[in-house]
């Protein structure tokens, strides 16, 4: 468990390591640059991982599901930088809730005797955490069918 957190921390650090400071205005807190385009790319990646994760859980392939949980978490965690830079405390809380729900799902998938019902409940909690943020910050993109974009606040 500790090793997983170290790997995730290293991945987050690697994602942030090459970024330039994004501050510059008086009173701004300097965070690594993480733009709306970066957020969009990360969210699409998380969505792909969640789709694969759901298929793996449905198929009972819990080992591969664990891989997808880890990958989704790696892609989700750095998005907090975008929300911090934009002073969106509610979104920061939503990212944290989604990350915790992924951790809880990982814990269910790490049991010696995996309970498919408990995994299903944990997966539903992840989905609910994601949907809470989507309801607030995502809208259909009128320029592209079946695509979404960041709502402006």
C-alpha atoms as a PDB file:
ATOM      1  CA  UNK A   1       0.000   0.000   0.000  1.00  0.00           C
ATOM      2  CA  UNK A   2       2.803   2.424   0.896  1.00  0.00           C
ATOM      3  CA  UNK A   3       4.608   1.548  -2.334  1.00  0.00           C
ATOM      4  CA  UNK A   4       1.487   2.451  -4.362  1.00  0.00           C
ATOM      5  CA  UNK A   5       1.362   5.883  -2.740  1.00  0.00           C
ATOM      6  CA  UNK A   6       5.055   6.422  -3.443  1.00  0.00           C
ATOM      7  CA  UNK A   7       4.522   5.492  -7.101  1.00  0.00           C
ATOM      8  CA  UNK A   8       1.559   7.859  -7.375  1.00  0.00           C
ATOM      9  CA  UNK A   9       3.491  10.643  -5.633  1.00  0.00           C
ATOM     10  CA  UNK A  10       6.395  10.130  -8.019  1.00  0.00           C
ATOM     11  CA  UNK A  11       4.028  10.230 -11.005  1.00  0.00           C
ATOM     12  CA  UNK A  12       2.439  13.456  -9.792  1.00  0.00           C
ATOM     13  CA  UNK A  13       5.868  14.973  -9.191  1.00  0.00           C
ATOM     14  CA  UNK A  14       6.978  13.921 -12.677  1.00  0.00           C
ATOM     15  CA  UNK A  15       3.885  15.493 -14.216  1.00  0.00           C
ATOM     16  CA  UNK A  16       4.552  18.731 -12.389  1.00  0.00           C
ATOM     17  CA  UNK A  17       8.319  18.715 -12.580  1.00  0.00           C
ATOM     18  CA  UNK A  18       8.739  20.169 -16.071  1.00  0.00           C
ATOM     19  CA  UNK A  19       6.059  22.811 -15.711  1.00  0.00           C
ATOM     20  CA  UNK A  20       6.859  26.475 -15.420  1.00  0.00           C
ATOM     21  CA  UNK A  21       5.478  28.610 -12.602  1.00  0.00           C
ATOM     22  CA  UNK A  22       2.133  30.103 -13.541  1.00  0.00           C
ATOM     23  CA  UNK A  23       2.013  33.030 -11.147  1.00  0.00           C
ATOM     24  CA  UNK A  24       2.864  36.545 -11.986  1.00  0.00           C
ATOM     25  CA  UNK A  25       0.139  38.795 -10.665  1.00  0.00           C
ATOM     26  CA  UNK A  26       0.332  40.333  -7.262  1.00  0.00           C
ATOM     27  CA  UNK A  27      -1.118  37.995  -4.660  1.00  0.00           C
ATOM     28  CA  UNK A  28      -1.128  34.933  -6.937  1.00  0.00           C
ATOM     29  CA  UNK A  29       0.110  31.688  -5.487  1.00  0.00           C
ATOM     30  CA  UNK A  30       2.566  30.040  -7.840  1.00  0.00           C
ATOM     31  CA  UNK A  31       1.425  26.621  -8.964  1.00  0.00           C
ATOM     32  CA  UNK A  32       2.826  24.647 -11.878  1.00  0.00           C
ATOM     33  CA  UNK A  33       1.142  25.539 -15.137  1.00  0.00           C
ATOM     34  CA  UNK A  34      -1.930  23.364 -15.672  1.00  0.00           C
ATOM     35  CA  UNK A  35      -4.257  24.835 -18.255  1.00  0.00           C
ATOM     36  CA  UNK A  36      -7.851  24.124 -19.213  1.00  0.00           C
ATOM     37  CA  UNK A  37      -6.441  22.110 -22.134  1.00  0.00           C
ATOM     38  CA  UNK A  38      -4.392  20.026 -19.692  1.00  0.00           C
ATOM     39  CA  UNK A  39      -7.515  19.515 -17.598  1.00  0.00           C
ATOM     40  CA  UNK A  40      -9.471  18.419 -20.678  1.00  0.00           C
ATOM     41  CA  UNK A  41      -6.762  15.937 -21.664  1.00  0.00           C
ATOM     42  CA  UNK A  42      -6.537  14.552 -18.134  1.00  0.00           C
ATOM     43  CA  UNK A  43     -10.310  14.178 -17.811  1.00  0.00           C
ATOM     44  CA  UNK A  44     -10.523  12.341 -21.131  1.00  0.00           C
ATOM     45  CA  UNK A  45      -7.800  10.004 -19.879  1.00  0.00           C
ATOM     46  CA  UNK A  46      -9.615   9.422 -16.597  1.00  0.00           C
ATOM     47  CA  UNK A  47     -12.800   8.737 -18.547  1.00  0.00           C
ATOM     48  CA  UNK A  48     -11.056   6.146 -20.715  1.00  0.00           C
ATOM     49  CA  UNK A  49      -9.615   4.466 -17.628  1.00  0.00           C
ATOM     50  CA  UNK A  50     -12.999   4.466 -15.879  1.00  0.00           C
ATOM     51  CA  UNK A  51     -14.642   2.893 -18.930  1.00  0.00           C
ATOM     52  CA  UNK A  52     -11.986   0.170 -19.028  1.00  0.00           C
ATOM     53  CA  UNK A  53     -12.215  -0.242 -15.259  1.00  0.00           C
ATOM     54  CA  UNK A  54     -15.972  -0.778 -15.462  1.00  0.00           C
ATOM     55  CA  UNK A  55     -15.527  -3.398 -18.181  1.00  0.00           C
ATOM     56  CA  UNK A  56     -12.853  -5.196 -16.151  1.00  0.00           C
ATOM     57  CA  UNK A  57     -15.042  -5.253 -13.027  1.00  0.00           C
ATOM     58  CA  UNK A  58     -18.009  -6.521 -15.054  1.00  0.00           C
ATOM     59  CA  UNK A  59     -15.789  -9.274 -16.478  1.00  0.00           C
ATOM     60  CA  UNK A  60     -14.422 -10.177 -13.038  1.00  0.00           C
ATOM     61  CA  UNK A  61     -10.867  -9.275 -14.078  1.00  0.00           C
ATOM     62  CA  UNK A  62      -9.965  -7.631 -10.794  1.00  0.00           C
ATOM     63  CA  UNK A  63      -6.197  -7.600 -11.380  1.00  0.00           C
ATOM     64  CA  UNK A  64      -6.602  -5.536 -14.554  1.00  0.00           C
ATOM     65  CA  UNK A  65      -9.208  -3.397 -12.780  1.00  0.00           C
ATOM     66  CA  UNK A  66      -6.556  -2.498 -10.166  1.00  0.00           C
ATOM     67  CA  UNK A  67      -4.259  -1.329 -12.956  1.00  0.00           C
ATOM     68  CA  UNK A  68      -7.028   0.926 -14.298  1.00  0.00           C
ATOM     69  CA  UNK A  69      -7.744   2.353 -10.830  1.00  0.00           C
ATOM     70  CA  UNK A  70      -4.090   3.264 -10.436  1.00  0.00           C
ATOM     71  CA  UNK A  71      -3.913   4.852 -13.869  1.00  0.00           C
ATOM     72  CA  UNK A  72      -7.131   6.843 -13.315  1.00  0.00           C
ATOM     73  CA  UNK A  73      -5.777   8.136 -10.014  1.00  0.00           C
ATOM     74  CA  UNK A  74      -2.472   9.124 -11.620  1.00  0.00           C
ATOM     75  CA  UNK A  75      -4.358  11.143 -14.233  1.00  0.00           C
ATOM     76  CA  UNK A  76      -6.854  12.684 -11.813  1.00  0.00           C
ATOM     77  CA  UNK A  77      -4.528  13.801  -9.007  1.00  0.00           C
ATOM     78  CA  UNK A  78      -2.613  16.525 -10.912  1.00  0.00           C
ATOM     79  CA  UNK A  79      -5.864  18.240 -11.948  1.00  0.00           C
ATOM     80  CA  UNK A  80      -6.056  19.720  -8.467  1.00  0.00           C
ATOM     81  CA  UNK A  81      -3.425  22.229  -9.618  1.00  0.00           C
ATOM     82  CA  UNK A  82      -5.878  23.709 -12.146  1.00  0.00           C
ATOM     83  CA  UNK A  83      -8.564  24.108  -9.512  1.00  0.00           C
ATOM     84  CA  UNK A  84      -6.155  25.638  -6.994  1.00  0.00           C
ATOM     85  CA  UNK A  85      -4.894  28.144  -9.539  1.00  0.00           C
ATOM     86  CA  UNK A  86      -8.501  29.112 -10.274  1.00  0.00           C
ATOM     87  CA  UNK A  87      -9.428  29.248  -6.559  1.00  0.00           C
ATOM     88  CA  UNK A  88     -12.274  26.717  -6.919  1.00  0.00           C
ATOM     89  CA  UNK A  89     -12.453  25.244  -3.420  1.00  0.00           C
ATOM     90  CA  UNK A  90     -15.536  23.193  -4.277  1.00  0.00           C
ATOM     91  CA  UNK A  91     -13.740  21.553  -7.203  1.00  0.00           C
ATOM     92  CA  UNK A  92     -10.692  20.887  -5.033  1.00  0.00           C
ATOM     93  CA  UNK A  93     -12.983  19.060  -2.614  1.00  0.00           C
ATOM     94  CA  UNK A  94     -14.516  17.105  -5.484  1.00  0.00           C
ATOM     95  CA  UNK A  95     -11.102  16.006  -6.775  1.00  0.00           C
ATOM     96  CA  UNK A  96     -10.178  14.914  -3.267  1.00  0.00           C
ATOM     97  CA  UNK A  97     -13.463  12.999  -2.889  1.00  0.00           C
ATOM     98  CA  UNK A  98     -12.974  11.270  -6.236  1.00  0.00           C
ATOM     99  CA  UNK A  99      -9.387  10.401  -5.330  1.00  0.00           C
ATOM    100  CA  UNK A 100     -10.493   8.963  -1.977  1.00  0.00           C
ATOM    101  CA  UNK A 101     -13.178   6.922  -3.708  1.00  0.00           C
ATOM    102  CA  UNK A 102     -10.557   5.511  -6.091  1.00  0.00           C
ATOM    103  CA  UNK A 103      -8.421   4.630  -3.060  1.00  0.00           C
ATOM    104  CA  UNK A 104     -11.408   2.875  -1.474  1.00  0.00           C
ATOM    105  CA  UNK A 105     -12.041   0.946  -4.690  1.00  0.00           C
ATOM    106  CA  UNK A 106      -8.373  -0.032  -4.797  1.00  0.00           C
ATOM    107  CA  UNK A 107      -8.662  -1.307  -1.225  1.00  0.00           C
ATOM    108  CA  UNK A 108     -11.658  -3.471  -2.185  1.00  0.00           C
ATOM    109  CA  UNK A 109      -9.742  -4.823  -5.180  1.00  0.00           C
ATOM    110  CA  UNK A 110      -6.763  -5.587  -2.914  1.00  0.00           C
ATOM    111  CA  UNK A 111      -8.626  -7.899  -0.538  1.00  0.00           C
ATOM    112  CA  UNK A 112      -7.511 -11.531  -0.497  1.00  0.00           C
ATOM    113  CA  UNK A 113     -11.102 -12.616  -1.045  1.00  0.00           C
ATOM    114  CA  UNK A 114     -12.633 -10.004  -3.336  1.00  0.00           C
ATOM    115  CA  UNK A 115     -16.329  -9.309  -2.760  1.00  0.00           C
ATOM    116  CA  UNK A 116     -17.814  -8.398  -6.160  1.00  0.00           C
ATOM    117  CA  UNK A 117     -20.757  -6.632  -4.498  1.00  0.00           C
ATOM    118  CA  UNK A 118     -18.425  -4.437  -2.432  1.00  0.00           C
ATOM    119  CA  UNK A 119     -16.362  -3.697  -5.543  1.00  0.00           C
ATOM    120  CA  UNK A 120     -19.557  -2.728  -7.376  1.00  0.00           C
ATOM    121  CA  UNK A 121     -20.560  -0.378  -4.554  1.00  0.00           C
ATOM    122  CA  UNK A 122     -17.099   1.200  -4.507  1.00  0.00           C
ATOM    123  CA  UNK A 123     -17.211   1.619  -8.293  1.00  0.00           C
ATOM    124  CA  UNK A 124     -20.597   3.346  -7.991  1.00  0.00           C
ATOM    125  CA  UNK A 125     -19.114   5.696  -5.389  1.00  0.00           C
ATOM    126  CA  UNK A 126     -16.304   6.610  -7.803  1.00  0.00           C
ATOM    127  CA  UNK A 127     -18.859   7.297 -10.520  1.00  0.00           C
ATOM    128  CA  UNK A 128     -20.952   9.460  -8.175  1.00  0.00           C
ATOM    129  CA  UNK A 129     -17.873  11.483  -7.186  1.00  0.00           C
ATOM    130  CA  UNK A 130     -17.033  12.086 -10.844  1.00  0.00           C
ATOM    131  CA  UNK A 131     -20.608  12.986 -11.744  1.00  0.00           C
ATOM    132  CA  UNK A 132     -20.800  15.550  -8.931  1.00  0.00           C
ATOM    133  CA  UNK A 133     -17.951  17.497 -10.499  1.00  0.00           C
ATOM    134  CA  UNK A 134     -19.274  17.002 -14.028  1.00  0.00           C
ATOM    135  CA  UNK A 135     -22.670  18.421 -13.008  1.00  0.00           C
ATOM    136  CA  UNK A 136     -20.972  21.603 -11.853  1.00  0.00           C
ATOM    137  CA  UNK A 137     -18.078  22.051 -14.275  1.00  0.00           C
ATOM    138  CA  UNK A 138     -18.858  20.181 -17.492  1.00  0.00           C
ATOM    139  CA  UNK A 139     -21.294  20.943 -20.301  1.00  0.00           C
ATOM    140  CA  UNK A 140     -21.956  19.551 -23.787  1.00  0.00           C
ATOM    141  CA  UNK A 141     -19.719  21.048 -26.445  1.00  0.00           C
ATOM    142  CA  UNK A 142     -21.961  22.460 -29.182  1.00  0.00           C
ATOM    143  CA  UNK A 143     -19.062  22.246 -31.659  1.00  0.00           C
ATOM    144  CA  UNK A 144     -18.628  18.476 -31.334  1.00  0.00           C
ATOM    145  CA  UNK A 145     -21.216  15.732 -31.028  1.00  0.00           C
ATOM    146  CA  UNK A 146     -20.983  13.666 -27.840  1.00  0.00           C
ATOM    147  CA  UNK A 147     -18.171  15.855 -26.510  1.00  0.00           C
ATOM    148  CA  UNK A 148     -17.959  18.022 -23.433  1.00  0.00           C
ATOM    149  CA  UNK A 149     -16.170  21.178 -22.414  1.00  0.00           C
ATOM    150  CA  UNK A 150     -15.389  23.050 -19.237  1.00  0.00           C
ATOM    151  CA  UNK A 151     -18.190  25.344 -18.077  1.00  0.00           C
ATOM    152  CA  UNK A 152     -17.124  28.910 -17.492  1.00  0.00           C
ATOM    153  CA  UNK A 153     -17.838  30.304 -14.072  1.00  0.00           C
END
